[in-house]
């Protein structure tokens, strides 16, 4: 029995490899990641990179209301970190419902505001406090007002917060009993 298929571009990667920027959606999403990790995305209007009705789905399955609430909900996931880096490991991009969907896997490196030993190493050799494995689904649409002609319409995050919470407990940032409130 044959199954209906669609064309997809997929690749394993070691971070933001130049070869992957040939695909216009990946080029936009790598620019999105770099602007979030190192740029001014957090201080400019969310609509620069995202549609007005951008929707964020948290790792626990909660779908936040579209727009500003989803944008703020995504940012809340990073409030405990002084800096972070998303290091892509796998990407798969395909057309869907008149737009593009990208499924990706990344290592998310983070530093905490409380000092401690940095034991996690990214591909460039830099040491970090935490590494969290994560997966993302981005739905992108063409939009001439967006960087590189695209904007993110929705994003779903799948992540294991245990490494981050364990390190925050170890450094006294969170008490175990606070987790059950």
C-alpha atoms as a PDB file:
ATOM      1  CA  UNK A   1       0.000   0.000   0.000  1.00  0.00           C
ATOM      2  CA  UNK A   2       1.340   3.421  -0.867  1.00  0.00           C
ATOM      3  CA  UNK A   3       0.869   6.491   1.279  1.00  0.00           C
ATOM      4  CA  UNK A   4       0.429  10.094   0.149  1.00  0.00           C
ATOM      5  CA  UNK A   5       3.652  12.038   0.543  1.00  0.00           C
ATOM      6  CA  UNK A   6       4.895  15.591   0.181  1.00  0.00           C
ATOM      7  CA  UNK A   7       8.346  16.820  -0.670  1.00  0.00           C
ATOM      8  CA  UNK A   8      10.449  17.802   2.310  1.00  0.00           C
ATOM      9  CA  UNK A   9      13.910  19.174   2.866  1.00  0.00           C
ATOM     10  CA  UNK A  10      15.635  17.561   5.819  1.00  0.00           C
ATOM     11  CA  UNK A  11      19.135  17.644   7.191  1.00  0.00           C
ATOM     12  CA  UNK A  12      21.173  16.801  10.235  1.00  0.00           C
ATOM     13  CA  UNK A  13      23.250  19.791  11.227  1.00  0.00           C
ATOM     14  CA  UNK A  14      25.870  20.994  13.642  1.00  0.00           C
ATOM     15  CA  UNK A  15      24.414  24.370  14.480  1.00  0.00           C
ATOM     16  CA  UNK A  16      23.710  26.980  11.845  1.00  0.00           C
ATOM     17  CA  UNK A  17      25.515  25.537   8.857  1.00  0.00           C
ATOM     18  CA  UNK A  18      25.837  27.845   5.864  1.00  0.00           C
ATOM     19  CA  UNK A  19      24.747  25.101   3.446  1.00  0.00           C
ATOM     20  CA  UNK A  20      21.276  25.047   5.021  1.00  0.00           C
ATOM     21  CA  UNK A  21      20.721  28.744   4.339  1.00  0.00           C
ATOM     22  CA  UNK A  22      20.077  27.863   0.712  1.00  0.00           C
ATOM     23  CA  UNK A  23      16.520  27.003   1.722  1.00  0.00           C
ATOM     24  CA  UNK A  24      14.726  30.355   2.152  1.00  0.00           C
ATOM     25  CA  UNK A  25      12.638  29.259   5.145  1.00  0.00           C
ATOM     26  CA  UNK A  26      15.664  27.867   6.973  1.00  0.00           C
ATOM     27  CA  UNK A  27      17.593  31.032   6.170  1.00  0.00           C
ATOM     28  CA  UNK A  28      14.773  33.035   7.795  1.00  0.00           C
ATOM     29  CA  UNK A  29      14.526  30.697  10.798  1.00  0.00           C
ATOM     30  CA  UNK A  30      18.285  30.757  11.415  1.00  0.00           C
ATOM     31  CA  UNK A  31      18.079  34.574  11.285  1.00  0.00           C
ATOM     32  CA  UNK A  32      15.131  34.343  13.730  1.00  0.00           C
ATOM     33  CA  UNK A  33      17.197  32.167  16.103  1.00  0.00           C
ATOM     34  CA  UNK A  34      20.240  34.430  15.911  1.00  0.00           C
ATOM     35  CA  UNK A  35      18.093  37.516  16.558  1.00  0.00           C
ATOM     36  CA  UNK A  36      16.506  35.834  19.570  1.00  0.00           C
ATOM     37  CA  UNK A  37      19.783  34.534  21.023  1.00  0.00           C
ATOM     38  CA  UNK A  38      22.076  37.482  20.232  1.00  0.00           C
ATOM     39  CA  UNK A  39      20.026  40.287  18.708  1.00  0.00           C
ATOM     40  CA  UNK A  40      17.337  42.717  19.733  1.00  0.00           C
ATOM     41  CA  UNK A  41      14.266  40.559  19.029  1.00  0.00           C
ATOM     42  CA  UNK A  42      13.214  40.687  22.695  1.00  0.00           C
ATOM     43  CA  UNK A  43      13.207  44.501  22.770  1.00  0.00           C
ATOM     44  CA  UNK A  44      11.474  45.248  19.466  1.00  0.00           C
ATOM     45  CA  UNK A  45       7.811  44.595  18.638  1.00  0.00           C
ATOM     46  CA  UNK A  46       7.088  40.892  18.291  1.00  0.00           C
ATOM     47  CA  UNK A  47       5.460  41.602  14.928  1.00  0.00           C
ATOM     48  CA  UNK A  48       8.848  42.180  13.293  1.00  0.00           C
ATOM     49  CA  UNK A  49       9.377  38.386  13.134  1.00  0.00           C
ATOM     50  CA  UNK A  50       5.867  37.123  13.956  1.00  0.00           C
ATOM     51  CA  UNK A  51       2.378  37.619  12.570  1.00  0.00           C
ATOM     52  CA  UNK A  52      -0.125  39.737  14.522  1.00  0.00           C
ATOM     53  CA  UNK A  53      -1.963  36.520  15.434  1.00  0.00           C
ATOM     54  CA  UNK A  54       1.173  34.540  16.365  1.00  0.00           C
ATOM     55  CA  UNK A  55       0.309  31.549  18.570  1.00  0.00           C
ATOM     56  CA  UNK A  56       2.647  29.786  20.986  1.00  0.00           C
ATOM     57  CA  UNK A  57       2.095  26.293  22.379  1.00  0.00           C
ATOM     58  CA  UNK A  58       4.052  25.590  25.551  1.00  0.00           C
ATOM     59  CA  UNK A  59       5.868  22.347  26.248  1.00  0.00           C
ATOM     60  CA  UNK A  60       3.004  21.249  28.550  1.00  0.00           C
ATOM     61  CA  UNK A  61       0.514  21.556  25.667  1.00  0.00           C
ATOM     62  CA  UNK A  62      -1.013  24.873  26.743  1.00  0.00           C
ATOM     63  CA  UNK A  63      -1.955  26.971  23.705  1.00  0.00           C
ATOM     64  CA  UNK A  64      -1.692  30.648  24.576  1.00  0.00           C
ATOM     65  CA  UNK A  65      -3.990  33.311  23.106  1.00  0.00           C
ATOM     66  CA  UNK A  66      -2.771  34.776  19.806  1.00  0.00           C
ATOM     67  CA  UNK A  67      -0.651  37.891  19.614  1.00  0.00           C
ATOM     68  CA  UNK A  68       1.070  39.596  22.524  1.00  0.00           C
ATOM     69  CA  UNK A  69       0.038  36.904  25.054  1.00  0.00           C
ATOM     70  CA  UNK A  70       1.757  34.180  23.022  1.00  0.00           C
ATOM     71  CA  UNK A  71       4.848  36.329  22.553  1.00  0.00           C
ATOM     72  CA  UNK A  72       5.096  37.010  26.299  1.00  0.00           C
ATOM     73  CA  UNK A  73       4.462  33.340  27.059  1.00  0.00           C
ATOM     74  CA  UNK A  74       7.411  32.323  24.919  1.00  0.00           C
ATOM     75  CA  UNK A  75       9.669  34.894  26.582  1.00  0.00           C
ATOM     76  CA  UNK A  76       8.637  33.667  30.054  1.00  0.00           C
ATOM     77  CA  UNK A  77      10.398  30.388  29.340  1.00  0.00           C
ATOM     78  CA  UNK A  78      13.720  32.254  29.275  1.00  0.00           C
ATOM     79  CA  UNK A  79      13.393  34.586  32.295  1.00  0.00           C
ATOM     80  CA  UNK A  80      15.687  32.493  34.507  1.00  0.00           C
ATOM     81  CA  UNK A  81      18.570  32.649  32.034  1.00  0.00           C
ATOM     82  CA  UNK A  82      21.120  35.414  31.628  1.00  0.00           C
ATOM     83  CA  UNK A  83      21.897  34.183  28.110  1.00  0.00           C
ATOM     84  CA  UNK A  84      21.027  31.301  25.820  1.00  0.00           C
ATOM     85  CA  UNK A  85      21.980  29.668  22.547  1.00  0.00           C
ATOM     86  CA  UNK A  86      19.869  27.434  20.315  1.00  0.00           C
ATOM     87  CA  UNK A  87      22.136  24.994  18.490  1.00  0.00           C
ATOM     88  CA  UNK A  88      20.267  23.231  15.665  1.00  0.00           C
ATOM     89  CA  UNK A  89      20.801  19.478  15.314  1.00  0.00           C
ATOM     90  CA  UNK A  90      18.070  18.422  12.826  1.00  0.00           C
ATOM     91  CA  UNK A  91      15.648  20.258  10.539  1.00  0.00           C
ATOM     92  CA  UNK A  92      12.810  19.180   8.265  1.00  0.00           C
ATOM     93  CA  UNK A  93      10.929  21.764   6.192  1.00  0.00           C
ATOM     94  CA  UNK A  94       7.874  21.205   4.002  1.00  0.00           C
ATOM     95  CA  UNK A  95       4.965  23.154   2.555  1.00  0.00           C
ATOM     96  CA  UNK A  96       1.716  22.949   4.477  1.00  0.00           C
ATOM     97  CA  UNK A  97      -1.603  24.794   4.242  1.00  0.00           C
ATOM     98  CA  UNK A  98      -0.217  27.569   2.040  1.00  0.00           C
ATOM     99  CA  UNK A  99       2.814  28.151   4.255  1.00  0.00           C
ATOM    100  CA  UNK A 100       5.858  26.308   5.485  1.00  0.00           C
ATOM    101  CA  UNK A 101       6.320  24.095   8.505  1.00  0.00           C
ATOM    102  CA  UNK A 102       9.698  23.343  10.042  1.00  0.00           C
ATOM    103  CA  UNK A 103      10.258  20.599  12.583  1.00  0.00           C
ATOM    104  CA  UNK A 104      13.574  21.000  14.324  1.00  0.00           C
ATOM    105  CA  UNK A 105      15.632  19.542  17.121  1.00  0.00           C
ATOM    106  CA  UNK A 106      18.127  21.692  18.995  1.00  0.00           C
ATOM    107  CA  UNK A 107      20.310  21.805  22.051  1.00  0.00           C
ATOM    108  CA  UNK A 108      19.453  24.882  24.087  1.00  0.00           C
ATOM    109  CA  UNK A 109      22.406  26.121  26.123  1.00  0.00           C
ATOM    110  CA  UNK A 110      21.726  28.491  29.017  1.00  0.00           C
ATOM    111  CA  UNK A 111      23.498  30.356  31.784  1.00  0.00           C
ATOM    112  CA  UNK A 112      21.971  31.135  35.166  1.00  0.00           C
ATOM    113  CA  UNK A 113      22.353  34.331  37.208  1.00  0.00           C
ATOM    114  CA  UNK A 114      23.690  32.376  40.212  1.00  0.00           C
ATOM    115  CA  UNK A 115      27.345  31.306  39.855  1.00  0.00           C
ATOM    116  CA  UNK A 116      28.243  27.652  39.496  1.00  0.00           C
ATOM    117  CA  UNK A 117      30.383  25.297  37.497  1.00  0.00           C
ATOM    118  CA  UNK A 118      29.834  25.437  33.744  1.00  0.00           C
ATOM    119  CA  UNK A 119      30.064  21.853  32.537  1.00  0.00           C
ATOM    120  CA  UNK A 120      28.104  21.807  29.260  1.00  0.00           C
ATOM    121  CA  UNK A 121      30.023  22.529  26.059  1.00  0.00           C
ATOM    122  CA  UNK A 122      28.497  23.748  22.784  1.00  0.00           C
ATOM    123  CA  UNK A 123      29.930  22.955  19.343  1.00  0.00           C
ATOM    124  CA  UNK A 124      32.168  26.040  19.430  1.00  0.00           C
ATOM    125  CA  UNK A 125      33.760  24.877  22.707  1.00  0.00           C
ATOM    126  CA  UNK A 126      32.063  27.474  24.928  1.00  0.00           C
ATOM    127  CA  UNK A 127      31.036  26.307  28.421  1.00  0.00           C
ATOM    128  CA  UNK A 128      27.469  26.736  29.703  1.00  0.00           C
ATOM    129  CA  UNK A 129      25.558  26.046  32.931  1.00  0.00           C
ATOM    130  CA  UNK A 130      22.813  23.966  31.326  1.00  0.00           C
ATOM    131  CA  UNK A 131      21.970  22.195  28.104  1.00  0.00           C
ATOM    132  CA  UNK A 132      18.350  21.281  27.470  1.00  0.00           C
ATOM    133  CA  UNK A 133      17.283  19.136  24.517  1.00  0.00           C
ATOM    134  CA  UNK A 134      14.359  20.662  22.682  1.00  0.00           C
ATOM    135  CA  UNK A 135      12.182  20.263  19.634  1.00  0.00           C
ATOM    136  CA  UNK A 136      10.238  22.943  17.834  1.00  0.00           C
ATOM    137  CA  UNK A 137       7.537  23.172  15.213  1.00  0.00           C
ATOM    138  CA  UNK A 138       7.451  26.509  13.404  1.00  0.00           C
ATOM    139  CA  UNK A 139       4.689  27.468  10.998  1.00  0.00           C
ATOM    140  CA  UNK A 140       5.889  30.243   8.703  1.00  0.00           C
ATOM    141  CA  UNK A 141       4.057  32.323   6.139  1.00  0.00           C
ATOM    142  CA  UNK A 142       5.335  34.523   3.388  1.00  0.00           C
ATOM    143  CA  UNK A 143       5.110  38.170   4.383  1.00  0.00           C
ATOM    144  CA  UNK A 144       7.016  40.889   2.564  1.00  0.00           C
ATOM    145  CA  UNK A 145       7.137  42.940   5.798  1.00  0.00           C
ATOM    146  CA  UNK A 146       9.051  40.204   7.603  1.00  0.00           C
ATOM    147  CA  UNK A 147      12.790  39.593   7.597  1.00  0.00           C
ATOM    148  CA  UNK A 148      13.745  37.700   4.436  1.00  0.00           C
ATOM    149  CA  UNK A 149      10.079  37.757   3.364  1.00  0.00           C
ATOM    150  CA  UNK A 150       8.664  35.474   6.081  1.00  0.00           C
ATOM    151  CA  UNK A 151       7.061  35.615   9.521  1.00  0.00           C
ATOM    152  CA  UNK A 152       6.333  32.957  12.145  1.00  0.00           C
ATOM    153  CA  UNK A 153       2.599  32.314  12.510  1.00  0.00           C
ATOM    154  CA  UNK A 154       2.826  29.695  15.227  1.00  0.00           C
ATOM    155  CA  UNK A 155       5.395  27.835  17.258  1.00  0.00           C
ATOM    156  CA  UNK A 156       5.198  24.727  19.408  1.00  0.00           C
ATOM    157  CA  UNK A 157       7.932  23.886  21.888  1.00  0.00           C
ATOM    158  CA  UNK A 158       8.786  20.457  23.253  1.00  0.00           C
ATOM    159  CA  UNK A 159      11.455  20.503  25.925  1.00  0.00           C
ATOM    160  CA  UNK A 160      12.762  18.697  28.949  1.00  0.00           C
ATOM    161  CA  UNK A 161      12.970  21.254  31.757  1.00  0.00           C
ATOM    162  CA  UNK A 162      14.406  18.761  34.249  1.00  0.00           C
ATOM    163  CA  UNK A 163      18.073  19.702  33.615  1.00  0.00           C
ATOM    164  CA  UNK A 164      17.305  23.400  34.149  1.00  0.00           C
ATOM    165  CA  UNK A 165      15.189  22.854  37.267  1.00  0.00           C
ATOM    166  CA  UNK A 166      17.760  20.447  38.765  1.00  0.00           C
ATOM    167  CA  UNK A 167      20.565  22.991  38.304  1.00  0.00           C
ATOM    168  CA  UNK A 168      18.402  25.810  39.737  1.00  0.00           C
ATOM    169  CA  UNK A 169      17.691  23.670  42.832  1.00  0.00           C
ATOM    170  CA  UNK A 170      21.403  22.842  43.146  1.00  0.00           C
ATOM    171  CA  UNK A 171      22.260  26.562  43.077  1.00  0.00           C
ATOM    172  CA  UNK A 172      19.524  27.526  45.536  1.00  0.00           C
ATOM    173  CA  UNK A 173      17.384  29.432  43.018  1.00  0.00           C
ATOM    174  CA  UNK A 174      14.379  27.159  43.561  1.00  0.00           C
ATOM    175  CA  UNK A 175      13.345  24.973  46.480  1.00  0.00           C
ATOM    176  CA  UNK A 176      12.036  21.487  45.740  1.00  0.00           C
ATOM    177  CA  UNK A 177       8.837  22.185  47.693  1.00  0.00           C
ATOM    178  CA  UNK A 178       8.149  25.189  45.410  1.00  0.00           C
ATOM    179  CA  UNK A 179       7.712  22.780  42.493  1.00  0.00           C
ATOM    180  CA  UNK A 180       4.518  21.380  43.968  1.00  0.00           C
ATOM    181  CA  UNK A 181       2.712  24.651  44.635  1.00  0.00           C
END
